[in-house]
């Protein structure tokens, strides 16, 4: 192996590392956006699963005096 070939291989490796790092950064941005959208969609004001299954549960109070 001569110096020019080693230099070219190192340069190519640096380029591939830079591209991989940039792609990882973009993927991280997308995942962060998806996580934010997911947490926003889990609104606390939405009905619970139990209230969807038993819609009358908890809507009336029986009192005896």
Protein backbone atom coordinates (compact mmCIF):
# COMPACT_ATOMS: atom_id res chain seq x y z
CA UNK A 1 0.00 0.00 0.00
CA UNK A 2 1.31 3.39 -0.86
CA UNK A 3 0.70 6.70 0.89
CA UNK A 4 -1.78 7.98 -1.71
CA UNK A 5 -3.99 4.90 -1.35
CA UNK A 6 -3.95 5.13 2.46
CA UNK A 7 -4.78 8.82 2.27
CA UNK A 8 -7.66 8.15 -0.11
CA UNK A 9 -9.04 5.37 2.13
CA UNK A 10 -8.85 7.58 5.22
CA UNK A 11 -10.58 10.42 3.39
CA UNK A 12 -13.32 8.09 2.21
CA UNK A 13 -13.79 6.76 5.75
CA UNK A 14 -14.08 10.31 7.10
CA UNK A 15 -16.69 11.12 4.45
CA UNK A 16 -18.73 8.00 5.28
CA UNK A 17 -18.54 8.81 8.98
CA UNK A 18 -19.72 12.38 8.34
CA UNK A 19 -22.63 11.17 6.18
CA UNK A 20 -23.62 8.57 8.78
CA UNK A 21 -23.53 11.16 11.55
CA UNK A 22 -25.67 13.57 9.50
CA UNK A 23 -28.20 10.83 8.75
CA UNK A 24 -28.31 9.88 12.44
CA UNK A 25 -28.98 13.52 13.33
CA UNK A 26 -31.85 13.70 10.84
CA UNK A 27 -33.30 10.44 12.18
CA UNK A 28 -33.07 11.78 15.73
CA UNK A 29 -34.95 14.93 14.68
CA UNK A 30 -37.71 12.83 13.11
CA UNK A 31 -38.01 10.59 16.18
CA UNK A 32 -38.15 13.61 18.49
CA UNK A 33 -40.95 15.06 16.35
CA UNK A 34 -42.85 11.79 16.46
CA UNK A 35 -42.43 11.58 20.24
CA UNK A 36 -43.74 15.12 20.64
CA UNK A 37 -46.74 14.36 18.44
CA UNK A 38 -47.40 11.15 20.38
CA UNK A 39 -47.31 12.87 23.76
CA UNK A 40 -49.55 15.63 22.43
CA UNK A 41 -52.07 13.07 21.21
CA UNK A 42 -52.28 11.53 24.69
CA UNK A 43 -54.41 14.33 26.05
CA UNK A 44 -55.55 13.89 29.64
CA UNK A 45 -59.03 15.20 28.74
CA UNK A 46 -59.75 12.29 26.44
CA UNK A 47 -62.11 9.60 27.77
CA UNK A 48 -60.59 6.61 29.48
CA UNK A 49 -60.82 3.14 28.01
CA UNK A 50 -63.12 2.04 30.82
CA UNK A 51 -65.60 4.83 30.06
CA UNK A 52 -65.66 3.72 26.42
CA UNK A 53 -66.50 0.14 27.44
CA UNK A 54 -68.97 1.12 30.21
CA UNK A 55 -70.36 4.50 29.09
CA UNK A 56 -72.81 4.82 32.01
CA UNK A 57 -70.28 3.96 34.69
CA UNK A 58 -69.74 6.86 37.06
CA UNK A 59 -72.41 9.08 35.53
CA UNK A 60 -75.06 8.54 38.24
CA UNK A 61 -74.91 8.55 42.01
CA UNK A 62 -77.39 6.48 44.03
CA UNK A 63 -78.20 8.10 47.38
CA UNK A 64 -80.36 6.73 50.17
CA UNK A 65 -81.38 8.95 53.01
